[in-house]
N, C-alpha and C. Protein backbone atom coordinates (compact mmCIF):
# COMPACT_ATOMS: atom_id res chain seq x y z
N MET A 1 13.32 -4.49 7.21
CA MET A 1 12.24 -3.64 6.93
C MET A 1 10.90 -4.21 6.68
N THR A 2 9.71 -3.39 7.19
CA THR A 2 8.42 -3.90 7.29
C THR A 2 7.86 -3.48 5.91
N ALA A 3 6.82 -4.06 5.48
CA ALA A 3 5.48 -3.62 4.81
C ALA A 3 4.23 -4.01 5.35
N ILE A 4 3.59 -3.17 5.28
CA ILE A 4 2.18 -3.04 5.73
C ILE A 4 1.27 -2.83 4.63
N ILE A 5 0.12 -4.02 4.64
CA ILE A 5 -0.76 -4.13 3.66
C ILE A 5 -2.14 -3.57 4.26
N LEU A 6 -2.60 -2.48 3.52
CA LEU A 6 -4.03 -1.82 4.13
C LEU A 6 -5.04 -2.51 3.47
N ALA A 7 -5.79 -3.16 4.02
CA ALA A 7 -6.91 -4.26 3.65
C ALA A 7 -8.33 -4.01 4.28
N GLY A 8 -7.98 -2.63 5.01
CA GLY A 8 -9.42 -2.57 5.81
C GLY A 8 -10.48 -1.52 5.04
N GLY A 9 -10.47 -1.45 3.80
CA GLY A 9 -11.41 -0.57 3.13
C GLY A 9 -12.66 -1.13 2.93
N LYS A 10 -13.81 -0.34 2.37
CA LYS A 10 -15.11 -0.97 2.21
C LYS A 10 -15.30 -1.57 1.03
N SER A 11 -14.40 -1.02 0.22
CA SER A 11 -14.75 -1.69 -1.34
C SER A 11 -16.12 -1.38 -1.78
N LEU A 12 -16.64 -0.43 -1.46
CA LEU A 12 -17.99 -0.18 -2.03
C LEU A 12 -18.19 0.07 -3.42
N ARG A 13 -17.22 0.55 -4.30
CA ARG A 13 -17.42 0.46 -5.51
C ARG A 13 -17.07 -0.97 -6.37
N MET A 14 -16.40 -1.68 -5.82
CA MET A 14 -16.18 -2.93 -6.29
C MET A 14 -17.16 -3.81 -5.86
N GLY A 15 -17.77 -3.59 -4.70
CA GLY A 15 -18.91 -4.37 -4.37
C GLY A 15 -18.50 -5.81 -3.82
N TYR A 16 -17.15 -5.75 -3.46
CA TYR A 16 -16.71 -7.00 -2.68
C TYR A 16 -15.23 -6.83 -2.12
N ASN A 17 -14.87 -7.57 -1.26
CA ASN A 17 -13.33 -7.41 -0.70
C ASN A 17 -12.28 -7.32 -1.77
N LYS A 18 -11.59 -6.28 -2.02
CA LYS A 18 -10.61 -6.41 -3.22
C LYS A 18 -9.41 -7.09 -2.81
N ALA A 19 -9.29 -7.23 -1.49
CA ALA A 19 -8.14 -8.28 -1.09
C ALA A 19 -8.29 -9.46 -1.70
N PHE A 20 -9.75 -10.27 -1.91
CA PHE A 20 -9.85 -11.54 -2.14
C PHE A 20 -10.28 -11.76 -3.52
N LEU A 21 -10.24 -10.55 -4.30
CA LEU A 21 -10.06 -10.83 -5.69
C LEU A 21 -9.16 -11.58 -6.21
N LYS A 22 -9.56 -12.46 -7.10
CA LYS A 22 -8.26 -13.55 -7.51
C LYS A 22 -7.78 -13.40 -9.07
N TYR A 23 -6.66 -13.75 -9.10
CA TYR A 23 -5.99 -14.01 -10.73
C TYR A 23 -5.30 -15.32 -10.51
N GLY A 24 -5.81 -16.31 -11.31
CA GLY A 24 -5.39 -17.49 -11.10
C GLY A 24 -5.91 -18.24 -9.89
N VAL A 25 -5.18 -18.98 -9.28
CA VAL A 25 -5.71 -19.70 -7.99
C VAL A 25 -5.40 -18.80 -6.66
N LYS A 26 -4.76 -17.59 -6.61
CA LYS A 26 -4.39 -16.75 -5.53
C LYS A 26 -5.26 -15.54 -5.51
N THR A 27 -5.46 -14.87 -4.37
CA THR A 27 -6.07 -13.75 -4.26
C THR A 27 -5.21 -12.61 -4.37
N PHE A 28 -5.48 -11.49 -4.75
CA PHE A 28 -4.40 -10.45 -4.67
C PHE A 28 -3.73 -10.10 -3.68
N ILE A 29 -4.11 -10.33 -2.45
CA ILE A 29 -3.36 -10.16 -1.23
C ILE A 29 -2.33 -11.23 -1.21
N GLU A 30 -2.73 -12.56 -1.69
CA GLU A 30 -1.70 -13.53 -1.56
C GLU A 30 -0.54 -13.24 -2.67
N HIS A 31 -1.15 -12.88 -3.90
CA HIS A 31 0.06 -12.32 -4.73
C HIS A 31 1.00 -11.22 -4.23
N GLN A 32 0.47 -10.28 -3.60
CA GLN A 32 1.12 -9.19 -2.88
C GLN A 32 2.15 -9.83 -1.99
N ILE A 33 1.71 -10.64 -0.96
CA ILE A 33 2.54 -11.26 0.07
C ILE A 33 3.63 -12.18 -0.61
N ALA A 34 3.46 -12.78 -1.53
CA ALA A 34 4.36 -13.60 -2.22
C ALA A 34 5.60 -12.42 -2.80
N ARG A 35 5.15 -11.38 -3.36
CA ARG A 35 6.26 -10.37 -3.92
C ARG A 35 6.87 -9.74 -2.77
N LEU A 36 6.13 -9.43 -1.76
CA LEU A 36 6.80 -8.57 -0.71
C LEU A 36 7.41 -9.29 0.27
N THR A 37 7.41 -10.52 0.28
CA THR A 37 8.33 -11.55 1.14
C THR A 37 9.65 -11.50 0.43
N LYS A 38 9.91 -11.22 -0.80
CA LYS A 38 11.27 -11.10 -1.28
C LYS A 38 11.94 -9.89 -0.62
N ILE A 39 11.15 -9.04 -0.48
CA ILE A 39 11.91 -7.64 -0.03
C ILE A 39 11.90 -7.54 1.37
N PHE A 40 10.84 -7.91 2.07
CA PHE A 40 10.74 -7.33 3.47
C PHE A 40 11.09 -8.60 4.52
N ASP A 41 11.32 -8.05 5.61
CA ASP A 41 11.59 -9.25 6.72
C ASP A 41 10.45 -9.24 7.45
N GLU A 42 9.54 -8.19 7.39
CA GLU A 42 8.16 -8.38 8.50
C GLU A 42 7.01 -7.73 7.44
N ILE A 43 5.93 -8.55 7.57
CA ILE A 43 4.68 -8.03 6.79
C ILE A 43 3.42 -8.17 7.61
N ILE A 44 2.96 -6.92 7.67
CA ILE A 44 1.89 -6.56 8.69
C ILE A 44 0.43 -6.34 7.84
N LEU A 45 -0.73 -7.04 8.56
CA LEU A 45 -1.74 -6.61 7.83
C LEU A 45 -2.61 -5.74 8.54
N SER A 46 -3.06 -4.32 8.00
CA SER A 46 -3.88 -3.43 8.68
C SER A 46 -5.44 -3.65 8.31
N ALA A 47 -6.10 -4.36 9.00
CA ALA A 47 -7.48 -4.78 8.84
C ALA A 47 -8.39 -4.83 10.07
N ASN A 48 -9.71 -4.64 9.82
CA ASN A 48 -10.46 -4.62 11.04
C ASN A 48 -11.22 -5.86 11.21
N ASP A 49 -11.38 -6.73 10.11
CA ASP A 49 -11.88 -7.90 10.38
C ASP A 49 -10.89 -9.23 10.22
N ALA A 50 -10.01 -9.24 11.72
CA ALA A 50 -8.87 -10.16 11.68
C ALA A 50 -9.38 -11.66 11.07
N SER A 51 -10.48 -12.16 11.53
CA SER A 51 -10.89 -13.21 11.25
C SER A 51 -10.94 -13.78 9.68
N ALA A 52 -11.11 -12.91 9.01
CA ALA A 52 -10.93 -13.03 7.41
C ALA A 52 -9.57 -13.46 6.81
N TYR A 53 -8.82 -12.84 7.56
CA TYR A 53 -7.22 -12.97 7.21
C TYR A 53 -6.44 -13.83 8.05
N ALA A 54 -7.09 -14.59 8.84
CA ALA A 54 -6.27 -15.25 9.93
C ALA A 54 -5.50 -16.59 9.45
N TYR A 55 -6.04 -17.08 8.15
CA TYR A 55 -5.57 -18.08 7.44
C TYR A 55 -3.96 -17.55 7.03
N LEU A 56 -3.85 -16.33 6.68
CA LEU A 56 -2.65 -15.99 5.92
C LEU A 56 -1.41 -15.88 7.03
N ASN A 57 -1.79 -16.09 8.32
CA ASN A 57 -0.62 -16.13 9.41
C ASN A 57 0.42 -15.23 9.28
N LEU A 58 -0.16 -13.99 9.28
CA LEU A 58 0.61 -12.69 9.38
C LEU A 58 -0.06 -11.69 10.76
N PRO A 59 0.68 -10.77 11.52
CA PRO A 59 0.47 -9.98 12.37
C PRO A 59 -0.89 -9.09 11.60
N ILE A 60 -1.83 -9.02 12.29
CA ILE A 60 -2.88 -8.23 12.02
C ILE A 60 -3.22 -7.15 13.16
N VAL A 61 -3.46 -5.95 12.55
CA VAL A 61 -3.56 -4.77 13.35
C VAL A 61 -5.03 -4.27 12.91
N SER A 62 -5.79 -3.34 13.87
CA SER A 62 -7.12 -3.01 13.51
C SER A 62 -6.87 -1.31 13.74
N ASP A 63 -7.58 -0.54 13.10
CA ASP A 63 -7.36 1.04 12.97
C ASP A 63 -7.17 1.61 14.45
N VAL A 64 -6.32 2.45 14.56
CA VAL A 64 -6.19 3.05 16.00
C VAL A 64 -7.50 3.76 16.41
N ILE A 65 -8.47 4.38 15.41
CA ILE A 65 -9.77 4.97 15.67
C ILE A 65 -10.34 4.30 14.64
N SER A 66 -11.50 3.80 14.93
CA SER A 66 -12.31 2.87 13.70
C SER A 66 -12.93 4.30 13.19
N GLY A 67 -13.43 3.75 11.72
CA GLY A 67 -14.12 4.58 10.97
C GLY A 67 -13.24 6.20 10.44
N LYS A 68 -12.23 6.15 10.48
CA LYS A 68 -11.33 7.15 10.07
C LYS A 68 -10.52 7.07 8.84
N GLY A 69 -10.69 5.69 8.21
CA GLY A 69 -10.01 5.58 6.89
C GLY A 69 -8.68 4.95 6.87
N PRO A 70 -7.90 5.09 5.79
CA PRO A 70 -6.74 4.41 5.54
C PRO A 70 -5.69 5.43 6.61
N LEU A 71 -5.89 6.41 6.80
CA LEU A 71 -4.60 7.36 7.81
C LEU A 71 -4.75 6.32 9.04
N SER A 72 -5.86 5.92 9.48
CA SER A 72 -5.91 5.43 10.70
C SER A 72 -5.39 3.83 10.79
N GLY A 73 -5.53 3.24 9.60
CA GLY A 73 -4.69 2.13 9.20
C GLY A 73 -3.16 2.13 8.99
N ILE A 74 -2.88 3.19 8.45
CA ILE A 74 -1.39 3.36 8.37
C ILE A 74 -0.75 3.59 9.94
N CYS A 75 -1.32 4.42 10.76
CA CYS A 75 -0.95 4.49 12.08
C CYS A 75 -0.75 3.27 12.96
N ALA A 76 -1.84 2.59 12.90
CA ALA A 76 -1.79 1.19 13.49
C ALA A 76 -0.63 0.26 12.96
N GLY A 77 -0.50 0.25 11.78
CA GLY A 77 0.63 -0.66 11.19
C GLY A 77 2.02 -0.08 11.73
N LEU A 78 2.31 1.29 11.44
CA LEU A 78 3.38 1.92 12.00
C LEU A 78 3.62 1.76 13.47
N ILE A 79 2.56 1.76 14.31
CA ILE A 79 2.93 1.39 15.58
C ILE A 79 3.32 0.17 16.03
N ARG A 80 2.60 -0.81 15.27
CA ARG A 80 3.23 -2.59 15.31
C ARG A 80 4.19 -2.71 14.68
N SER A 81 5.05 -2.08 13.76
CA SER A 81 5.89 -2.13 13.01
C SER A 81 7.17 -2.08 13.77
N THR A 82 8.21 -3.25 13.48
CA THR A 82 9.50 -3.17 14.51
C THR A 82 10.65 -2.45 13.70
N SER A 83 10.27 -1.93 12.50
CA SER A 83 11.20 -1.18 11.69
C SER A 83 11.00 0.41 11.94
N SER A 84 12.33 0.88 11.65
CA SER A 84 12.16 2.57 11.57
C SER A 84 11.41 3.02 10.34
N HIS A 85 11.42 2.34 9.29
CA HIS A 85 10.60 2.64 8.10
C HIS A 85 9.91 1.50 7.66
N SER A 86 8.52 1.78 7.11
CA SER A 86 7.92 0.82 6.69
C SER A 86 7.20 1.01 5.04
N PHE A 87 7.00 0.12 4.67
CA PHE A 87 6.34 0.26 3.18
C PHE A 87 4.92 0.08 3.10
N VAL A 88 4.14 1.13 2.74
CA VAL A 88 2.72 0.82 3.06
C VAL A 88 2.21 0.65 1.59
N ILE A 89 1.23 -0.21 1.55
CA ILE A 89 0.70 -0.63 0.27
C ILE A 89 -0.82 -1.20 0.42
N ALA A 90 -1.79 -0.37 -0.64
CA ALA A 90 -2.92 -0.94 -0.76
C ALA A 90 -3.49 -2.16 -1.19
N CYS A 91 -4.49 -2.83 -0.63
CA CYS A 91 -4.47 -4.43 -1.05
C CYS A 91 -5.20 -4.49 -2.52
N ASP A 92 -5.33 -3.25 -3.07
CA ASP A 92 -6.01 -3.14 -4.67
C ASP A 92 -4.90 -2.91 -5.49
N MET A 93 -3.81 -2.89 -5.23
CA MET A 93 -2.66 -2.70 -5.91
C MET A 93 -1.89 -4.00 -6.45
N PRO A 94 -2.37 -4.64 -7.23
CA PRO A 94 -1.79 -6.03 -7.51
C PRO A 94 -0.45 -6.33 -8.21
N PHE A 95 -0.33 -5.14 -9.04
CA PHE A 95 1.10 -4.80 -9.90
C PHE A 95 2.10 -4.90 -9.45
N LEU A 96 2.41 -5.02 -8.02
CA LEU A 96 3.66 -4.55 -7.38
C LEU A 96 4.92 -4.98 -8.15
N ASP A 97 5.87 -4.29 -8.20
CA ASP A 97 7.18 -4.31 -9.06
C ASP A 97 8.36 -4.21 -7.88
N GLU A 98 9.30 -5.17 -7.80
CA GLU A 98 10.22 -5.05 -6.83
C GLU A 98 11.20 -3.96 -7.27
N LYS A 99 11.32 -3.41 -8.37
CA LYS A 99 12.43 -2.29 -9.09
C LYS A 99 11.64 -1.21 -8.52
N VAL A 100 10.44 -0.92 -8.50
CA VAL A 100 10.08 0.37 -8.21
C VAL A 100 9.91 0.68 -6.48
N ILE A 101 9.68 -0.59 -5.81
CA ILE A 101 9.69 -0.54 -4.37
C ILE A 101 11.16 -0.23 -3.94
N LEU A 102 12.01 -0.74 -4.50
CA LEU A 102 13.54 -0.63 -4.18
C LEU A 102 14.04 0.84 -4.48
N CYS A 103 13.42 1.14 -5.56
CA CYS A 103 13.97 2.70 -6.02
C CYS A 103 13.46 3.73 -4.86
N LEU A 104 12.25 3.51 -4.60
CA LEU A 104 11.84 4.29 -3.42
C LEU A 104 12.31 4.04 -2.36
N LYS A 105 12.65 2.75 -1.58
CA LYS A 105 13.35 2.73 -0.54
C LYS A 105 14.85 3.09 -0.59
N ASP A 106 15.53 3.50 -1.91
CA ASP A 106 17.07 3.84 -1.83
C ASP A 106 17.00 5.30 -1.52
N ARG A 107 15.74 6.10 -1.55
CA ARG A 107 15.67 7.44 -1.56
C ARG A 107 15.27 7.99 -0.21
N ILE A 108 15.13 6.84 0.90
CA ILE A 108 14.97 7.08 2.16
C ILE A 108 15.76 8.05 2.74
N ASP A 109 17.08 7.89 2.98
CA ASP A 109 18.06 8.71 3.56
C ASP A 109 17.27 9.05 5.05
N ASN A 110 17.17 10.46 5.31
CA ASN A 110 16.83 10.96 6.33
C ASN A 110 15.34 11.21 6.29
N TYR A 111 14.57 10.91 5.26
CA TYR A 111 13.08 11.62 5.06
C TYR A 111 12.01 10.46 5.99
N ASP A 112 11.28 11.08 6.14
CA ASP A 112 10.11 10.29 7.02
C ASP A 112 9.02 9.80 6.03
N VAL A 113 8.81 10.35 4.92
CA VAL A 113 7.89 10.06 3.78
C VAL A 113 8.68 9.83 2.44
N VAL A 114 8.35 9.02 1.76
CA VAL A 114 9.11 8.81 0.43
C VAL A 114 7.70 8.21 -0.39
N VAL A 115 7.49 9.38 -1.18
CA VAL A 115 6.12 8.90 -2.08
C VAL A 115 6.17 9.22 -3.34
N PRO A 116 5.77 8.47 -4.22
CA PRO A 116 6.14 8.77 -5.71
C PRO A 116 4.97 9.57 -6.18
N GLN A 117 5.04 10.46 -7.32
CA GLN A 117 3.99 11.39 -7.74
C GLN A 117 4.01 10.91 -9.08
N THR A 118 2.89 10.89 -9.83
CA THR A 118 2.59 10.68 -11.11
C THR A 118 1.61 11.87 -11.80
N SER A 119 1.25 11.43 -12.81
CA SER A 119 0.21 12.58 -13.58
C SER A 119 -0.95 12.53 -12.80
N ARG A 120 -1.46 11.62 -12.11
CA ARG A 120 -2.39 11.42 -11.10
C ARG A 120 -2.44 12.42 -9.69
N GLY A 121 -1.06 12.63 -9.63
CA GLY A 121 -0.74 13.45 -8.26
C GLY A 121 0.08 12.21 -7.31
N LEU A 122 0.10 12.58 -6.03
CA LEU A 122 0.94 11.76 -5.17
C LEU A 122 0.19 10.46 -4.97
N GLU A 123 1.01 9.52 -4.61
CA GLU A 123 0.59 8.08 -4.66
C GLU A 123 0.74 7.58 -3.09
N PRO A 124 0.12 8.05 -2.07
CA PRO A 124 0.67 7.91 -0.53
C PRO A 124 0.15 6.32 -0.14
N LEU A 125 -0.62 5.52 -1.07
CA LEU A 125 -0.75 4.13 -0.45
C LEU A 125 0.23 3.38 -1.42
N HIS A 126 1.27 3.77 -1.80
CA HIS A 126 2.42 2.99 -2.28
C HIS A 126 3.63 3.73 -1.72
N ALA A 127 3.79 3.82 -0.73
CA ALA A 127 5.11 4.82 -0.28
C ALA A 127 5.73 4.35 1.23
N PHE A 128 6.92 4.90 1.45
CA PHE A 128 7.18 4.31 2.73
C PHE A 128 7.19 5.69 3.62
N TYR A 129 6.89 5.13 5.14
CA TYR A 129 6.80 6.01 6.19
C TYR A 129 7.74 5.48 7.07
N SER A 130 8.04 6.64 8.00
CA SER A 130 8.86 6.15 9.08
C SER A 130 7.77 6.30 10.53
N LYS A 131 8.35 5.68 11.64
CA LYS A 131 7.88 5.86 13.15
C LYS A 131 7.71 7.40 13.23
N ASN A 132 8.26 8.57 12.89
CA ASN A 132 8.03 9.85 13.33
C ASN A 132 6.98 10.30 12.68
N CYS A 133 6.35 9.47 11.68
CA CYS A 133 5.07 9.94 11.62
C CYS A 133 3.85 9.68 12.21
N ILE A 134 3.73 8.85 13.26
CA ILE A 134 2.93 8.48 14.26
C ILE A 134 2.50 9.33 15.05
N GLN A 135 2.79 10.33 15.58
CA GLN A 135 2.36 11.59 16.33
C GLN A 135 1.58 12.68 15.30
N PRO A 136 2.27 12.95 14.31
CA PRO A 136 1.63 13.89 13.46
C PRO A 136 0.21 13.23 12.77
N ILE A 137 0.25 11.83 12.62
CA ILE A 137 -1.08 11.28 12.11
C ILE A 137 -1.73 11.39 13.21
N ARG A 138 -1.47 11.08 14.27
CA ARG A 138 -2.55 11.05 15.74
C ARG A 138 -3.15 12.41 15.54
N ARG A 139 -2.25 13.45 15.54
CA ARG A 139 -3.06 14.73 15.48
C ARG A 139 -4.00 15.06 14.72
N CYS A 140 -3.71 14.58 13.40
CA CYS A 140 -4.61 14.51 12.13
C CYS A 140 -5.98 13.89 12.34
N LEU A 141 -5.90 12.53 13.22
CA LEU A 141 -7.09 11.84 13.39
C LEU A 141 -7.85 12.59 14.40
N ASP A 142 -7.20 13.10 15.32
CA ASP A 142 -7.83 13.82 16.51
C ASP A 142 -8.56 15.04 15.99
N GLU A 143 -8.28 15.58 15.17
CA GLU A 143 -8.64 16.80 14.45
C GLU A 143 -9.58 16.70 13.18
N GLY A 144 -9.79 15.38 12.78
CA GLY A 144 -10.75 15.06 11.93
C GLY A 144 -10.20 15.38 10.45
N ARG A 145 -9.00 15.47 10.35
CA ARG A 145 -8.16 15.92 8.94
C ARG A 145 -7.82 14.33 8.55
N LEU A 146 -8.67 13.98 7.57
CA LEU A 146 -8.38 12.54 7.25
C LEU A 146 -7.73 12.10 5.96
N ARG A 147 -7.25 13.20 5.53
CA ARG A 147 -6.58 12.77 4.01
C ARG A 147 -5.07 12.41 4.46
N ILE A 148 -4.69 11.41 4.02
CA ILE A 148 -3.23 10.85 4.22
C ILE A 148 -2.10 11.81 4.25
N ILE A 149 -2.28 12.81 3.08
CA ILE A 149 -1.38 13.89 2.96
C ILE A 149 -1.49 14.98 3.87
N ASP A 150 -2.54 14.94 4.84
CA ASP A 150 -2.64 15.95 5.77
C ASP A 150 -1.37 16.16 6.83
N PHE A 151 -0.74 15.15 7.09
CA PHE A 151 0.19 15.37 8.05
C PHE A 151 1.50 15.64 7.43
N PHE A 152 1.61 15.61 6.01
CA PHE A 152 2.92 15.75 5.44
C PHE A 152 3.81 17.00 5.93
N ALA A 153 3.19 18.05 6.13
CA ALA A 153 3.45 19.48 6.32
C ALA A 153 4.50 19.51 7.66
N ASP A 154 4.16 18.29 8.57
CA ASP A 154 4.92 17.91 9.77
C ASP A 154 5.93 17.22 9.69
N VAL A 155 6.55 16.49 8.52
CA VAL A 155 7.55 15.63 8.31
C VAL A 155 8.34 15.96 7.26
N LYS A 156 9.30 15.21 7.39
CA LYS A 156 10.21 15.25 6.09
C LYS A 156 9.82 14.45 5.10
N VAL A 157 9.63 15.09 3.79
CA VAL A 157 8.87 14.35 2.60
C VAL A 157 9.86 14.22 1.42
N ARG A 158 9.81 13.11 0.94
CA ARG A 158 10.68 13.21 -0.46
C ARG A 158 9.67 12.90 -1.55
N ILE A 159 9.54 13.68 -2.44
CA ILE A 159 8.58 13.24 -3.83
C ILE A 159 9.61 12.59 -4.61
N VAL A 160 9.35 11.51 -5.23
CA VAL A 160 9.94 10.73 -6.12
C VAL A 160 9.12 11.13 -7.21
N CYS A 161 9.65 12.03 -8.18
CA CYS A 161 8.48 12.51 -9.41
C CYS A 161 8.80 11.07 -10.62
N GLU A 162 7.67 11.45 -11.35
CA GLU A 162 7.42 10.41 -12.41
C GLU A 162 8.87 10.06 -13.34
N GLN A 163 9.40 11.08 -13.55
CA GLN A 163 10.56 11.13 -14.30
C GLN A 163 11.64 10.16 -13.60
N GLU A 164 11.90 10.16 -12.48
CA GLU A 164 12.63 9.26 -11.90
C GLU A 164 12.53 7.66 -11.98
N LEU A 165 11.17 7.60 -12.08
CA LEU A 165 10.94 6.35 -12.16
C LEU A 165 10.58 5.70 -13.58
N ASN A 166 10.41 6.54 -14.51
CA ASN A 166 10.47 6.21 -16.05
C ASN A 166 11.13 5.12 -16.39
N GLY A 167 12.60 5.18 -16.11
CA GLY A 167 13.53 4.10 -16.34
C GLY A 167 13.12 2.91 -15.86
N LEU A 168 11.93 2.46 -15.40
CA LEU A 168 11.83 1.18 -14.48
C LEU A 168 10.43 0.79 -15.10
N ASP A 169 10.70 -0.55 -15.78
CA ASP A 169 9.83 -1.32 -16.60
C ASP A 169 8.25 -1.39 -15.96
N GLY A 170 8.49 -1.58 -14.64
CA GLY A 170 7.40 -1.81 -13.94
C GLY A 170 6.45 -0.67 -13.10
N SER A 171 7.19 0.59 -13.65
CA SER A 171 6.78 1.78 -12.76
C SER A 171 5.08 2.14 -12.90
N THR A 172 4.69 2.23 -14.24
CA THR A 172 3.35 2.44 -14.22
C THR A 172 2.25 1.35 -13.75
N SER A 173 2.62 0.15 -14.16
CA SER A 173 1.65 -0.85 -13.30
C SER A 173 1.69 -0.94 -11.91
N SER A 174 3.01 -0.44 -11.16
CA SER A 174 3.05 -0.79 -9.98
C SER A 174 1.99 -0.04 -9.20
N LEU A 175 1.96 1.22 -9.62
CA LEU A 175 1.15 2.23 -9.24
C LEU A 175 -0.22 2.22 -9.73
N THR A 176 -0.92 1.05 -10.26
CA THR A 176 -2.13 1.01 -10.55
C THR A 176 -3.17 0.30 -9.49
N ASN A 177 -4.23 0.96 -9.49
CA ASN A 177 -5.06 0.32 -8.32
C ASN A 177 -6.41 0.11 -9.14
N LEU A 178 -7.01 -1.03 -8.65
CA LEU A 178 -8.44 -1.50 -9.24
C LEU A 178 -9.53 -1.00 -7.97
N ASN A 179 -10.58 -0.37 -8.69
CA ASN A 179 -11.57 0.16 -7.90
C ASN A 179 -12.96 -0.40 -8.14
N THR A 180 -13.33 -0.71 -9.55
CA THR A 180 -14.45 -0.99 -10.03
C THR A 180 -14.40 -2.41 -10.37
N PRO A 181 -15.40 -3.06 -10.67
CA PRO A 181 -15.25 -4.61 -11.47
C PRO A 181 -15.11 -4.28 -13.02
N GLU A 182 -15.37 -3.14 -13.61
CA GLU A 182 -14.80 -2.90 -14.91
C GLU A 182 -13.25 -2.92 -14.91
N GLU A 183 -12.81 -2.23 -13.92
CA GLU A 183 -11.23 -2.33 -13.90
C GLU A 183 -10.66 -3.63 -13.85
N TYR A 184 -11.53 -4.34 -12.73
CA TYR A 184 -10.91 -5.86 -12.39
C TYR A 184 -10.89 -6.57 -13.66
N GLN A 185 -12.01 -6.63 -14.50
CA GLN A 185 -12.13 -7.36 -15.58
C GLN A 185 -11.15 -6.84 -16.65
N LYS A 186 -10.79 -5.53 -16.91
CA LYS A 186 -9.85 -5.39 -17.91
C LYS A 186 -8.46 -5.51 -17.55
N TYR A 187 -8.20 -5.71 -16.06
CA TYR A 187 -6.91 -6.41 -15.55
C TYR A 187 -6.82 -7.96 -16.04
N LEU A 188 -8.03 -8.47 -15.70
CA LEU A 188 -7.94 -9.94 -15.97
C LEU A 188 -7.72 -10.13 -17.62
N ASP A 189 -8.15 -9.52 -18.49
CA ASP A 189 -7.92 -9.38 -20.03
C ASP A 189 -6.64 -9.34 -20.41
N HIS A 190 -6.22 -8.20 -19.61
CA HIS A 190 -4.62 -7.67 -19.97
C HIS A 190 -3.66 -8.93 -19.35
N MET A 191 -3.98 -9.56 -18.31
CA MET A 191 -3.24 -10.67 -17.90
C MET A 191 -3.23 -11.99 -18.58
N ILE A 192 -4.37 -11.99 -19.14
CA ILE A 192 -4.33 -13.23 -19.98
C ILE A 192 -4.08 -12.95 -21.23
N SER A 193 -4.23 -11.89 -22.22
CA SER A 193 -3.45 -11.57 -23.27
C SER A 193 -1.95 -11.43 -23.22
N ASP A 194 -1.30 -11.23 -21.78
CA ASP A 194 0.04 -11.22 -21.89
C ASP A 194 0.68 -12.87 -21.69
N GLU A 195 -0.17 -13.48 -21.12
CA GLU A 195 0.28 -14.97 -20.88
C GLU A 195 0.36 -15.67 -22.19
N ARG A 196 -0.89 -15.20 -23.07
CA ARG A 196 -1.10 -16.08 -24.48
C ARG A 196 0.35 -15.51 -25.36
N LYS A 197 0.93 -14.26 -25.23
CA LYS A 197 2.19 -14.11 -25.95
C LYS A 197 3.41 -14.51 -25.51
N LEU A 198 3.42 -15.54 -24.16
CA LEU A 198 4.47 -16.07 -23.78
C LEU A 198 4.75 -17.35 -24.81
């Protein structure tokens, strides 16, 4: 199966490319790749600035239509993927947990989308998508409907509710993303605090 890392965002609130934020000697995207490699046979980067990510030696795809946001990046990744289903993750979600990803994977069955739902709502940037999503996504892009969930009505969707994930230790952190310098600093403080407890 394939993992697609979305790294094409403008990071306006952070003021810096979130993929290259660091914890220790590694960037967030390097931490993600290290964890995803344990689960997936193929990892694809969806990014419009290929040169910035060339050192990672992974396939890189650019948006199918520029300026259309993450939906266009998801579509590009699904087209390039060699798998029937792909796990899509945003590069600003550094707390990836293998148990949570596998929990979602186990619920694919015949669904085209397997997406977790928390108190914040659906988490479509930490979800599985099938190749059947490509054409519905293209229609949305052509029509200017750019929310990721806009095509959900046209495919088979399995929502994994928070209660289904509650028994997993990493469920809360795995779905956390970082958008601002304050959130990034809080993350660093949290990680340093955890290390001191060891």
